[in-house]
Protein backbone atom coordinates (compact mmCIF):
# COMPACT_ATOMS: atom_id res chain seq x y z
CA MET A 1 -5.48 -14.76 25.11
CA PHE A 2 -8.76 -13.38 26.46
CA PRO A 3 -12.33 -12.86 25.25
CA GLN A 4 -13.48 -9.25 25.07
CA LEU A 5 -16.63 -8.29 26.93
CA GLY A 6 -19.97 -7.31 25.36
CA ARG A 7 -19.89 -4.71 22.63
CA PHE A 8 -16.60 -3.17 23.80
CA CYS A 9 -14.56 -3.30 20.65
CA SER A 10 -10.95 -2.83 19.62
CA ILE A 11 -11.81 0.37 17.75
CA ALA A 12 -13.19 2.02 20.89
CA ALA A 13 -10.25 0.79 22.93
CA ALA A 14 -7.77 2.32 20.51
CA VAL A 15 -9.64 5.65 20.48
CA LEU A 16 -9.78 5.77 24.29
CA MET A 17 -6.06 5.01 24.61
CA LEU A 18 -5.08 7.70 22.12
CA ALA A 19 -7.43 10.20 23.74
CA SER A 20 -6.01 9.58 27.23
CA LEU A 21 -2.46 10.03 25.98
CA ALA A 22 -3.40 13.28 24.28
CA VAL A 23 -4.87 14.59 27.53
CA ARG A 24 -1.79 13.72 29.59
CA ALA A 25 0.75 15.21 27.20
CA ALA A 26 1.10 16.93 23.86
CA VAL A 27 1.80 13.69 22.05
CA LEU A 28 1.28 14.10 18.32
CA VAL A 29 -1.37 11.59 17.25
CA ASP A 30 -0.60 10.57 13.67
CA PHE A 31 -3.10 8.75 11.47
CA GLN A 32 -4.01 7.82 7.92
CA VAL A 33 -7.58 8.48 6.85
CA ALA A 34 -9.18 5.07 6.28
CA GLN A 35 -12.32 3.12 7.09
CA PRO A 36 -12.45 1.12 10.34
CA PRO A 37 -12.43 -2.65 9.68
CA PRO A 38 -15.92 -3.73 8.56
CA LEU A 39 -16.17 -6.50 11.15
CA PRO A 40 -19.05 -7.51 13.49
CA GLN A 41 -18.45 -5.54 16.69
CA ASP A 42 -21.32 -7.34 18.47
CA ALA A 43 -19.64 -10.73 17.97
CA LYS A 44 -17.58 -12.40 20.66
CA GLN A 45 -13.97 -11.26 20.25
CA CYS A 46 -10.69 -12.83 21.29
CA THR A 47 -7.51 -10.75 21.22
CA VAL A 48 -3.95 -12.06 21.33
CA GLN A 49 -0.68 -10.16 21.36
CA ILE A 50 1.47 -11.31 18.47
CA LEU A 51 4.59 -9.26 19.15
CA GLN A 52 6.07 -6.38 21.11
CA ARG A 53 9.40 -4.88 20.07
CA THR A 54 11.27 -1.60 20.17
CA PHE A 55 13.10 -1.18 16.88
CA GLY A 56 16.28 0.73 17.67
CA PHE A 57 19.19 -0.34 15.49
CA SER A 58 17.27 -3.06 13.68
CA PHE A 59 18.62 -3.07 10.14
CA GLY A 60 18.60 -6.72 9.11
CA LEU A 61 17.24 -7.73 12.53
CA ALA A 62 13.55 -8.52 12.03
CA GLU A 63 11.21 -9.58 14.83
CA VAL A 64 10.40 -13.28 14.37
CA VAL A 65 7.76 -14.95 16.55
CA GLU A 66 5.75 -18.15 16.50
CA PHE A 67 1.98 -17.81 16.35
CA THR A 68 -0.66 -20.27 17.55
CA PRO A 69 -4.31 -19.55 16.71
CA PRO A 70 -6.70 -19.01 19.64
CA THR A 71 -9.52 -21.45 20.30
CA ASP A 72 -11.64 -19.26 22.63
CA CYS A 73 -13.64 -17.89 19.69
CA GLY A 74 -14.39 -21.15 17.92
CA ASP A 75 -12.40 -23.61 15.89
CA PRO A 76 -9.48 -21.97 14.09
CA GLY A 77 -10.53 -20.81 10.63
CA THR A 78 -14.25 -20.56 11.43
CA TRP A 79 -14.12 -16.90 12.46
CA ALA A 80 -16.39 -14.20 11.03
CA GLY A 81 -13.33 -11.98 10.62
CA VAL A 82 -9.80 -11.17 11.77
CA SER A 83 -8.18 -7.77 12.34
CA LEU A 84 -4.75 -6.49 13.36
CA ASN A 85 -4.05 -3.56 15.70
CA PHE A 86 -0.59 -2.01 15.23
CA THR A 87 0.26 0.68 17.80
CA VAL A 88 3.59 2.52 17.77
CA THR A 89 5.23 5.31 19.75
CA SER A 90 8.42 7.20 18.92
CA ASN A 91 10.39 10.18 20.15
CA GLY A 92 13.38 11.94 18.62
CA THR A 93 14.63 12.40 15.08
CA GLN A 94 14.30 9.61 12.56
CA PHE A 95 13.46 8.91 8.94
CA ASP A 96 10.28 7.09 8.00
CA ARG A 97 10.86 3.35 7.71
CA LEU A 98 9.13 0.65 5.68
CA GLY A 99 7.41 -2.15 7.60
CA ILE A 100 6.77 -5.61 6.11
CA PHE A 101 4.46 -8.06 7.91
CA THR A 102 4.97 -11.65 6.74
CA PHE A 103 3.04 -14.73 7.93
CA HIS A 104 3.65 -18.26 6.62
CA ASN A 105 6.00 -16.60 4.07
CA VAL A 106 3.07 -14.52 2.74
CA GLU A 107 3.21 -10.75 2.97
CA ILE A 108 -0.05 -9.68 4.64
CA TRP A 109 0.55 -5.97 5.27
CA ARG A 110 2.95 -3.30 4.04
CA THR A 111 3.16 -0.13 6.12
CA SER A 112 5.56 2.70 6.92
CA THR A 113 6.32 4.83 9.96
CA PRO A 114 5.49 8.50 10.42
CA GLU A 115 8.58 10.53 11.25
CA PRO A 116 8.77 11.24 15.00
CA THR A 117 9.11 14.56 16.82
CA ARG A 118 11.23 15.54 19.80
CA GLY A 119 9.70 16.27 23.19
CA ASP A 120 6.55 14.25 23.84
CA GLY A 121 6.93 12.37 20.57
CA ILE A 122 4.25 10.68 18.47
CA ILE A 123 1.84 7.77 18.61
CA TRP A 124 -0.27 6.07 15.98
CA THR A 125 -2.60 3.10 15.76
CA PHE A 126 -3.84 1.42 12.62
CA LEU A 127 -6.54 -1.25 12.56
CA LYS A 128 -6.39 -3.51 9.51
CA ASP A 129 -8.88 -6.10 8.27
CA VAL A 130 -6.95 -9.26 7.43
CA THR A 131 -9.93 -11.60 7.05
CA ARG A 132 -8.80 -12.63 3.57
CA TYR A 133 -5.78 -14.31 5.20
CA THR A 134 -7.92 -16.52 7.47
CA PRO A 135 -6.41 -19.75 6.02
CA LEU A 136 -3.03 -18.57 7.32
CA PHE A 137 -4.26 -17.60 10.79
CA ALA A 138 -6.05 -20.95 11.14
CA LYS A 139 -2.77 -22.79 11.70
CA PRO A 140 0.43 -22.22 13.69
CA GLY A 141 3.21 -20.47 11.83
CA THR A 142 6.06 -17.98 11.81
CA PHE A 143 5.14 -14.29 11.98
CA ILE A 144 7.77 -11.74 10.91
CA LEU A 145 7.88 -7.95 11.15
CA GLN A 146 10.76 -6.39 9.25
CA LEU A 147 11.26 -2.75 10.23
CA ASP A 148 14.80 -1.72 9.33
CA ASN A 149 15.79 1.25 11.49
CA LEU A 150 19.18 2.91 11.92
CA LEU A 151 20.59 4.78 14.93
CA GLU A 152 23.45 7.13 14.14
CA THR A 153 24.52 10.73 14.62
CA GLY A 154 21.45 12.92 14.13
CA LEU A 155 19.07 9.95 14.04
CA ASP A 156 18.07 8.74 17.52
CA GLY A 157 14.37 7.90 17.09
CA GLN A 158 13.30 4.36 17.99
CA TYR A 159 9.95 2.74 17.20
CA ALA A 160 8.22 0.97 20.11
CA THR A 161 5.69 -1.36 18.50
CA THR A 162 2.91 -3.65 19.68
CA LEU A 163 0.82 -5.87 17.41
CA HIS A 164 -2.43 -7.54 18.46
CA ALA A 165 -4.79 -9.75 16.46
CA THR A 166 -8.53 -9.88 17.17
CA PHE A 167 -10.64 -12.85 16.11
CA PHE A 168 -14.39 -12.41 15.69
CA ALA A 169 -16.36 -15.55 16.57
CA SER A 170 -18.84 -16.78 13.98
CA SER A 171 -22.49 -17.46 14.79
CA GLU A 172 -25.84 -17.82 13.10
CA LYS A 173 -25.95 -14.02 12.84
CA HIS A 174 -22.33 -13.74 11.71
CA PRO A 175 -21.38 -16.84 9.68
CA PRO A 176 -17.78 -17.83 9.01
CA ALA A 177 -16.08 -15.53 6.52
CA PRO A 178 -15.72 -16.91 2.98
CA GLN A 179 -12.14 -17.84 2.21
CA ALA A 180 -9.80 -19.53 -0.22
CA ASN A 181 -8.84 -23.16 0.36
CA GLU A 182 -5.14 -22.43 0.22
CA ILE A 183 -2.78 -19.44 -0.01
CA VAL A 184 0.50 -19.96 -1.86
CA PRO A 185 3.34 -17.46 -1.26
CA VAL A 186 5.12 -15.73 -4.11
CA SER A 187 8.00 -14.44 -2.03
CA THR A 188 11.62 -15.03 -1.06
CA LEU A 189 10.46 -17.68 1.48
CA ALA A 190 12.92 -16.29 4.04
CA ASN A 191 12.45 -17.37 7.66
CA ASP A 192 14.33 -14.53 9.37
CA THR A 193 13.25 -11.35 7.57
CA GLY A 194 10.49 -9.86 5.45
CA ASN A 195 9.73 -11.92 2.36
CA ASP A 196 9.66 -9.10 -0.19
CA ALA A 197 12.07 -9.25 -3.13
CA SER A 198 14.09 -6.37 -4.56
CA VAL A 199 13.79 -5.73 -8.31
CA PRO A 200 15.55 -5.34 -10.66
CA PRO A 201 16.51 -7.98 -11.56
CA VAL A 202 13.27 -9.86 -12.12
CA PHE A 203 12.13 -12.01 -9.18
CA SER A 204 11.14 -15.59 -10.03
CA LEU A 205 9.88 -18.50 -7.95
CA ASN A 206 8.76 -22.00 -8.83
CA VAL A 207 5.40 -22.78 -7.24
CA THR A 208 3.17 -25.84 -7.14
CA VAL A 209 -0.60 -25.47 -6.76
CA PRO A 210 -3.14 -28.21 -5.92
CA ARG A 211 -4.09 -30.26 -8.96
CA ASN A 212 -7.78 -29.72 -8.19
CA ALA A 213 -7.52 -25.90 -8.21
CA VAL A 214 -10.38 -24.28 -10.14
CA GLN A 215 -9.81 -20.59 -9.31
CA ILE A 216 -6.61 -18.66 -8.56
CA PHE A 217 -6.44 -14.96 -7.64
CA ALA A 218 -3.05 -13.29 -7.25
CA GLU A 219 -2.41 -10.39 -4.87
CA LEU A 220 0.55 -8.08 -5.54
CA TYR A 221 2.51 -5.85 -3.16
CA ALA A 222 4.82 -3.26 -4.74
CA SER A 223 6.49 -0.01 -3.66
CA GLY A 224 9.36 2.10 -4.99
CA ASN A 225 12.50 2.64 -2.92
CA GLY A 226 15.77 4.56 -3.23
CA ASN A 227 15.96 6.25 -6.63
CA GLU A 228 12.49 4.83 -7.34
CA GLU A 229 10.74 6.29 -4.27
CA PHE A 230 9.55 9.28 -6.33
CA TRP A 231 9.25 7.38 -9.61
CA TYR A 232 6.53 9.78 -10.82
CA PHE A 233 9.16 12.60 -10.80
CA ASN A 234 11.67 10.68 -12.94
CA THR A 235 12.16 12.06 -16.46
CA ALA A 236 12.23 10.34 -19.84
CA ASN A 237 15.82 9.61 -20.84
CA GLN A 238 15.76 11.63 -24.03
CA PHE A 239 15.16 14.85 -22.06
CA VAL A 240 17.55 14.27 -19.16
CA PRO A 241 20.51 15.88 -21.06
CA SER A 242 18.44 19.07 -21.38
CA LEU A 243 18.31 19.46 -17.59
CA PRO A 244 21.07 20.43 -15.14
CA ASP A 245 22.73 17.74 -13.08
CA GLY A 246 21.14 17.16 -9.70
CA VAL A 247 17.53 17.79 -10.77
CA THR A 248 16.08 14.44 -11.83
CA PHE A 249 16.66 10.74 -12.36
CA GLY A 250 16.13 9.09 -15.72
CA ASN A 251 14.09 6.09 -16.91
CA GLY A 252 10.89 8.14 -16.94
CA PRO A 253 7.80 8.24 -14.70
CA PHE A 254 5.81 5.26 -16.02
CA ARG A 255 5.84 2.08 -13.93
CA GLU A 256 4.04 -1.19 -14.58
CA VAL A 257 4.15 -4.09 -12.11
CA ARG A 258 4.03 -7.32 -14.11
CA LEU A 259 3.24 -10.93 -13.18
CA LEU A 260 4.27 -13.70 -15.58
CA VAL A 261 3.49 -17.42 -15.58
CA ASP A 262 6.23 -19.49 -17.24
CA GLY A 263 7.35 -16.33 -19.04
CA GLN A 264 3.88 -15.42 -20.30
CA LEU A 265 2.38 -12.15 -19.09
CA ALA A 266 -0.66 -12.89 -16.90
CA GLY A 267 -1.54 -9.44 -15.59
CA VAL A 268 -0.25 -6.02 -14.58
CA ALA A 269 -0.88 -3.16 -12.16
CA PHE A 270 -0.36 0.59 -12.59
CA PRO A 271 0.62 1.44 -8.99
CA TYR A 272 -0.76 4.20 -6.80
CA ALA A 273 1.88 6.81 -5.85
CA VAL A 274 2.29 6.53 -2.07
CA ILE A 275 4.18 9.47 -0.56
CA PHE A 276 5.94 8.50 2.66
CA THR A 277 5.95 10.95 5.57
CA GLY A 278 9.54 12.10 5.03
CA GLY A 279 8.87 12.71 1.37
CA ILE A 280 9.27 16.14 -0.29
CA VAL A 281 7.77 18.25 2.56
CA PRO A 282 7.44 16.32 5.87
CA THR A 283 5.36 19.15 7.38
CA ALA A 284 2.53 18.35 4.96
CA TRP A 285 2.12 14.86 6.45
CA ARG A 286 1.65 15.75 10.14
CA PRO A 287 -0.44 14.53 11.83
CA ILE A 288 -2.34 13.20 8.78
CA THR A 289 -0.13 10.98 6.66
CA SER A 290 -0.50 10.76 2.93
CA PHE A 291 -3.11 8.24 1.85
CA GLY A 292 -1.63 4.73 1.76
CA ALA A 293 1.42 5.51 3.92
CA LEU A 294 0.22 3.32 6.82
CA ASP A 295 -1.55 0.75 4.62
CA LEU A 296 -0.12 0.52 1.12
CA PRO A 297 -2.65 -0.59 -1.52
CA THR A 298 -2.40 -4.01 -3.13
CA TYR A 299 -3.54 -5.23 -6.55
CA PHE A 300 -5.48 -8.39 -7.47
CA LEU A 301 -5.24 -10.30 -10.75
CA ASP A 302 -7.25 -13.29 -11.92
CA LEU A 303 -4.89 -16.15 -12.78
CA THR A 304 -7.75 -18.60 -13.31
CA PRO A 305 -7.12 -18.72 -17.10
CA PHE A 306 -3.75 -20.29 -16.26
CA VAL A 307 -5.26 -23.02 -14.05
CA PRO A 308 -4.97 -25.68 -16.84
CA ILE A 309 -1.23 -25.00 -16.93
CA LEU A 310 -0.64 -24.66 -13.19
CA THR A 311 -2.53 -27.83 -12.20
CA ASP A 312 -0.48 -30.36 -14.17
CA GLY A 313 1.31 -31.52 -11.03
CA HIS A 314 4.63 -29.85 -11.87
CA PRO A 315 6.24 -26.68 -10.50
CA HIS A 316 5.70 -23.56 -12.58
CA ASN A 317 7.57 -20.29 -12.65
CA ILE A 318 5.91 -17.13 -11.32
CA SER A 319 7.85 -13.94 -12.02
CA LEU A 320 7.42 -10.38 -10.75
CA ASP A 321 9.09 -7.29 -12.13
CA VAL A 322 8.57 -3.57 -12.71
CA ALA A 323 8.93 -2.02 -16.19
CA SER A 324 9.25 1.52 -17.50
CA ALA A 325 8.25 3.10 -20.81
CA GLU A 326 11.86 3.39 -21.99
CA ASP A 327 12.97 1.32 -24.98
CA ASP A 328 14.78 -1.14 -22.71
CA HIS A 329 12.02 -0.96 -20.04
CA ALA A 330 14.72 -0.34 -17.41
CA ILE A 331 14.06 1.23 -14.03
CA ASN A 332 16.39 2.53 -11.33
CA GLN A 333 17.16 0.77 -8.04
CA ASN A 334 14.78 -0.42 -6.65
CA TRP A 335 11.23 -1.72 -6.00
CA PHE A 336 10.16 -4.14 -3.26
CA VAL A 337 7.65 -6.72 -4.54
CA SER A 338 5.92 -9.86 -3.33
CA GLY A 339 2.69 -11.70 -3.94
CA SER A 340 0.45 -14.59 -3.07
CA LEU A 341 -2.00 -16.91 -4.80
CA GLN A 342 -5.46 -17.37 -3.27
CA VAL A 343 -6.49 -20.82 -4.48
CA VAL A 344 -10.00 -22.30 -4.61
CA THR A 345 -10.14 -26.08 -5.07
CA ASP A 346 -12.77 -28.50 -6.36
CA PRO A 347 -14.24 -30.64 -3.52
CA SER A 348 -13.89 -33.81 -5.56
CA GLY A 349 -10.11 -33.75 -5.22
CA LYS A 350 -9.78 -34.79 -8.86
CA PRO A 351 -7.42 -32.94 -11.23
CA THR A 352 -8.67 -29.97 -13.19
CA ALA A 353 -8.55 -29.99 -17.00
CA GLY A 354 -8.89 -27.30 -19.64
CA LYS A 355 -7.01 -24.97 -21.95
CA ILE A 356 -6.41 -21.31 -22.75
CA THR A 357 -8.60 -20.48 -25.76
CA ARG A 358 -7.51 -16.88 -26.37
CA TYR A 359 -4.35 -15.06 -25.40
CA ASP A 360 -3.86 -11.39 -26.31
CA ALA A 361 -1.28 -9.78 -24.05
CA ALA A 362 1.77 -7.91 -25.31
CA PRO A 363 4.83 -8.18 -23.06
CA PHE A 364 4.95 -4.43 -22.41
CA ALA A 365 2.62 -1.44 -22.52
CA VAL A 366 2.38 0.75 -25.60
CA ALA A 367 4.13 4.00 -24.69
CA LYS A 368 4.86 7.38 -26.22
CA THR A 369 7.10 10.30 -25.14
CA THR A 370 6.74 13.86 -26.38
CA GLY A 371 8.16 17.16 -25.18
CA SER A 372 9.90 20.41 -25.88
CA VAL A 373 12.83 22.51 -24.70
CA GLY A 374 12.23 26.26 -24.77
CA LYS A 375 14.79 28.94 -25.65
CA ASN A 376 14.63 30.05 -22.02
CA GLY A 377 15.54 26.55 -20.86
CA ASP A 378 12.05 25.45 -19.79
CA VAL A 379 11.49 21.74 -20.36
CA ASN A 380 8.07 20.12 -20.86
CA VAL A 381 7.81 16.32 -21.13
CA THR A 382 4.80 14.03 -21.43
CA VAL A 383 4.98 10.24 -21.14
CA SER A 384 1.81 8.30 -21.93
CA ALA A 385 1.06 4.58 -21.98
CA THR A 386 -1.80 2.21 -22.64
CA ARG A 387 -2.22 -1.42 -21.77
CA SER A 388 -4.74 -4.01 -22.97
CA ILE A 389 -4.94 -7.67 -21.93
CA HIS A 390 -7.54 -10.22 -22.98
CA ILE A 391 -7.23 -13.88 -21.98
CA GLU A 392 -9.91 -16.59 -22.10
CA ALA A 393 -9.92 -20.21 -20.97
CA GLU A 394 -12.18 -23.25 -20.62
CA ILE A 395 -11.76 -25.04 -17.28
CA THR A 396 -13.38 -28.28 -16.16
CA GLY A 397 -13.17 -29.18 -12.49
CA GLY A 398 -13.08 -32.67 -11.08
CA SER A 399 -16.78 -32.43 -10.23
CA GLY A 400 -17.56 -32.01 -13.92
CA GLN A 401 -18.47 -28.31 -14.05
CA THR A 402 -17.00 -26.39 -16.99
CA THR A 403 -16.27 -22.69 -16.58
CA HIS A 404 -15.61 -20.17 -19.33
CA VAL A 405 -13.23 -17.54 -17.96
CA VAL A 406 -12.71 -14.10 -19.51
CA TRP A 407 -9.98 -11.91 -17.97
CA THR A 408 -9.37 -8.39 -19.32
CA GLN A 409 -7.39 -5.30 -18.37
CA ASN A 410 -7.62 -1.89 -20.06
CA LEU A 411 -5.39 0.77 -18.52
CA GLU A 412 -4.17 4.27 -19.41
CA PHE A 413 -1.41 6.47 -17.98
CA SER A 414 -0.16 10.00 -18.59
CA ASN A 415 2.53 12.04 -16.83
CA THR A 416 3.43 15.62 -17.76
CA GLN A 417 6.44 17.29 -16.16
CA GLN A 418 7.27 20.97 -16.39
CA PHE A 419 10.69 22.34 -15.41
CA LEU A 420 10.32 26.12 -15.29
CA ASP A 421 12.26 29.21 -14.21
CA ASP A 422 15.69 27.61 -14.43
CA THR A 423 14.23 24.42 -12.84
CA SER A 424 13.29 26.25 -9.62
CA ILE A 425 9.72 25.20 -10.39
CA GLN A 426 8.78 21.61 -11.13
CA ASN A 427 5.21 20.50 -11.83
CA VAL A 428 3.92 16.95 -12.13
CA ILE A 429 0.47 16.30 -13.61
CA GLN A 430 -0.23 12.57 -13.65
CA THR A 431 -3.25 10.37 -14.30
CA ALA A 432 -3.59 6.60 -14.13
CA HIS A 433 -6.94 4.94 -14.66
CA GLY A 434 -8.40 1.72 -15.95
CA THR A 435 -10.48 -1.40 -15.43
CA PHE A 436 -9.69 -4.99 -14.46
CA SER A 437 -12.54 -7.41 -15.17
CA SER A 438 -12.99 -11.15 -14.91
CA THR A 439 -16.10 -13.21 -15.50
CA HIS A 440 -16.63 -16.91 -14.82
CA ASN A 441 -19.51 -18.22 -16.93
CA GLY A 442 -20.65 -14.62 -17.34
CA VAL A 443 -20.67 -13.91 -13.59
CA SER A 444 -18.29 -11.25 -12.27
CA ALA A 445 -15.43 -12.83 -10.32
CA LEU A 446 -13.06 -9.84 -10.07
CA GLU A 447 -13.56 -6.14 -10.69
CA ASP A 448 -11.18 -3.22 -10.23
CA THR A 449 -12.01 0.20 -11.65
CA PHE A 450 -9.56 2.87 -10.55
CA SER A 451 -8.45 6.46 -11.06
CA PHE A 452 -5.31 7.83 -9.38
CA PRO A 453 -4.83 11.50 -10.37
CA LEU A 454 -1.80 13.28 -8.89
CA ASN A 455 -0.78 16.95 -9.20
CA ILE A 456 2.33 18.32 -7.46
CA ASN A 457 3.98 21.72 -7.57
CA PHE A 458 7.50 22.02 -6.13
CA THR A 459 8.98 25.55 -5.98
CA VAL A 460 12.39 26.62 -4.68
CA LEU A 461 11.99 30.07 -3.09
CA ASP A 462 15.51 31.52 -3.12
CA PRO A 463 18.79 31.11 -5.04
CA SER A 464 20.47 29.38 -2.09
CA GLY A 465 17.95 26.55 -2.39
CA ASP A 466 17.41 26.31 1.36
CA SER A 467 13.71 27.22 1.27
CA PHE A 468 10.92 25.70 -0.78
CA VAL A 469 7.18 25.01 -0.87
CA ALA A 470 5.16 22.16 -2.34
CA THR A 471 1.47 21.59 -2.96
CA PHE A 472 -0.30 18.27 -3.56
CA ASP A 473 -3.67 17.32 -5.04
CA HIS A 474 -3.87 13.54 -4.79
CA SER A 475 -6.86 11.22 -5.24
CA TYR A 476 -7.59 7.52 -4.85
CA ASP A 477 -10.87 6.53 -6.49
CA ARG A 478 -11.31 2.78 -6.67
CA THR A 479 -14.08 0.20 -6.89
CA SER A 480 -12.52 -3.16 -6.12
CA HIS A 481 -14.03 -6.64 -5.78
CA PRO A 482 -10.86 -8.75 -5.53
CA ALA A 483 -12.45 -12.24 -5.57
CA PRO A 484 -15.82 -13.89 -4.95
CA PHE A 485 -14.80 -14.66 -1.35
CA ILE A 486 -13.33 -11.21 -0.52
CA LEU A 487 -15.46 -8.21 0.41
CA GLY A 488 -15.77 -5.62 -2.35
CA SER A 489 -15.68 -1.88 -1.75
CA THR A 490 -15.68 1.57 -3.30
CA ILE A 491 -13.28 4.16 -1.88
CA LYS A 492 -13.12 7.81 -2.88
CA GLU A 493 -10.34 9.81 -1.26
CA ARG A 494 -9.06 13.29 -2.15
CA GLN A 495 -6.15 14.83 -0.29
CA LEU A 496 -5.08 18.47 -0.65
CA ALA A 497 -1.82 19.19 1.16
CA SER A 498 0.89 21.82 1.22
CA GLY A 499 4.05 22.57 3.10
CA PHE A 500 6.95 24.99 3.55
CA PHE A 501 10.50 24.05 4.52
CA HIS A 502 13.50 26.17 5.50
CA GLU A 503 16.96 24.89 6.33
CA ALA A 504 19.18 26.95 8.63
CA SER A 505 22.20 26.38 10.85
CA THR A 506 19.97 27.04 13.87
CA GLY A 507 17.60 24.24 12.85
CA ASN A 508 15.15 23.26 10.14
CA THR A 509 11.66 24.72 10.36
CA GLY A 510 8.45 24.56 8.37
CA ASN A 511 4.69 24.40 8.37
CA GLY A 512 2.01 22.43 6.60
CA THR A 513 -1.67 21.84 5.91
CA ASN A 514 -3.56 18.69 4.97
CA SER A 515 -7.24 18.28 4.07
CA ASN A 516 -8.99 14.97 3.30
CA THR A 517 -12.40 14.03 1.96
CA PHE A 518 -13.01 10.28 2.19
CA THR A 519 -15.96 7.97 1.54
CA TYR A 520 -16.25 4.18 1.77
CA VAL A 521 -19.06 1.75 0.96
CA ASP A 522 -18.79 -2.02 0.64
CA THR A 523 -20.84 -4.86 -0.78
CA ALA A 524 -22.07 -5.80 2.72
CA GLY A 525 -23.70 -2.38 3.13
CA ASN A 526 -21.12 -0.86 5.50
CA THR A 527 -20.44 2.86 5.04
CA PHE A 528 -17.96 5.41 6.35
CA ASP A 529 -17.11 9.01 5.54
CA ARG A 530 -14.61 11.42 7.00
CA GLU A 531 -13.74 15.05 6.32
CA VAL A 532 -10.69 16.14 8.31
CA THR A 533 -8.23 19.03 8.11
CA ALA A 534 -4.92 19.70 9.83
CA VAL A 535 -2.93 22.95 10.05
CA ASN A 536 0.53 22.99 11.63
CA ASN A 537 0.05 19.77 13.65
CA ASN A 538 -3.46 20.76 14.80
CA ILE A 539 -6.69 19.10 13.75
CA THR A 540 -8.90 22.06 12.88
CA ALA A 541 -11.98 20.19 11.62
CA ASP A 542 -13.06 16.56 11.81
CA HIS A 543 -16.33 14.84 10.95
CA GLN A 544 -16.91 11.08 10.80
CA GLY A 545 -20.13 9.41 9.70
CA GLY A 546 -21.60 6.16 8.40
CA THR A 547 -22.25 2.76 9.93
CA LEU A 548 -18.58 2.18 10.72
CA ALA A 549 -17.97 5.55 12.40
CA PRO A 550 -16.66 5.25 15.99
CA ARG A 551 -19.11 6.15 18.74
CA ILE A 552 -16.38 7.84 20.76
CA SER A 553 -14.81 10.98 19.31
CA GLN A 554 -11.05 11.07 19.39
CA ALA A 555 -9.37 13.91 21.27
CA PHE A 556 -6.35 15.57 19.69
CA PRO A 557 -3.80 17.75 21.52
CA SER A 558 -3.28 21.41 20.65
CA PHE A 559 -0.01 22.90 19.50
CA ASP A 560 1.25 26.46 19.10
CA THR A 561 0.33 27.52 15.58
CA GLN A 562 2.46 30.68 15.56
CA THR A 563 5.84 29.04 15.96
CA PRO A 564 7.14 27.04 12.98
CA PHE A 565 7.91 23.54 14.15
CA VAL A 566 11.27 21.86 13.94
CA VAL A 567 11.54 19.20 11.26
CA SER A 568 14.14 16.77 9.99
CA LYS A 569 15.63 17.07 6.53
CA PRO A 570 13.26 15.87 3.81
CA ARG A 571 13.96 13.52 0.94
CA LEU A 572 13.50 15.26 -2.39
CA PRO A 573 12.63 13.91 -5.84
CA GLY A 574 15.32 13.10 -8.34
CA ALA A 575 18.81 14.14 -7.33
CA ARG A 576 17.73 17.46 -5.79
CA LYS A 577 19.56 18.63 -2.68
CA ILE A 578 18.63 21.32 -0.17
CA GLY A 579 20.94 24.34 -0.30
CA ASN A 580 24.08 24.66 -2.41
């Protein structure tokens, strides 16, 4: 544990380290386009190493460490902010792997690994703002990183990881960060592995919240795995028989993450489609990963209307599941989900009273499937869905203040799939957009307005099936104010990517391009923008601006652009396989 000096910040340190490595060797520097943590770099900083571990054969063998908060930067919990620095190196051949960070049984970060290269290998660093979890960092507890990796024939890549936490001291200039009074896990409560649950079946947990709770905001983590990794490529069941075997999975492309309180629907999320770096065309995600691959988005719901139920002193059931638009709402195996409840309590300590005064929330979204099968065998399918939730409650805290809560969600989804030219061409045109809104006595308490358009073309180039190309047009436009005590922001990200892959007995080769336009602004006035392009492992253009932009430009190594680079075998949507 040591205080950092002056204005020398963790962002600059990470940039300098990556730059020096790039100078010494042609190490591929991977990164996800994202804003640097909006934390006070002129504050006193104290950094501690939480863990260091090389994940070789680590399936089912998480890293479990005990954490004690530092005191060099003020009393625990009084910090102006907290950030994590996760730095990883790898060399060899390996699939991307999911990483789950759990602290006090609460998932605080979901990430994944870029796929490594042979030779000098890869390195990446991601800095994450975890200020909203300050109540957890303020006390000793168990910290777990689950990163299941396998070593076997053809897969020898290991992930050498280091995780640091930096605490920013509060002062008159930088007051302590607002925070919840308590954070309640909605997880498996495991002490030796990540606390995410696999669904289906539905995950349920009995929780008890303080009787003087007056506000509760739920945070959801959710990502598809296995036959659900490319859920947006899955086809409505009624059209699966019209397609050849080995092209798609069923149960359709619509997914809705649901949270229920004692069996009553409390809120939902239409998830953003994160493409992991081994997905579809790995060459498209080097060195720039797809958006969200290193920091998967989360989703906030206002559970305050359910406070009168949850504060009666008894345990109550919180359930998480993922539903499709099929008649039985079934999905394939599987999704990983978890959550937490950020609880604000009344200072009086007296029990909260109240009641739900309006409840309008159907168990499932309203969905429709249409499509056609041409005489030439072309199949066109569209799945659409809408969701509306409106819940109101009157809540009286122990101090006597009564709050009228209005929580609404209005969401829309559409996915069109085209199987053309004897299924050698597959197009996905998807949109998901909507608004979450909560007011407490007419004052906004939670806002989330989002649009997640996704367009993918996948084309097999020859009858053998050993060569293909894919193009991606993917956007993340979101204005999110998760809770009154959590910083709000607006992010606009558009990613245009493409890649080619060829499988041969002499080795797999390919190439790829990736272009990003990103802007960030938050409710504290911080800004950041970045326009960056990569072609065949090389950064060909990069501009960063705004108040959060680093003062030191990052150096990237150069690679031969004429020689296609060697790549591992990709994972393809549905049941597609490379070659015959």
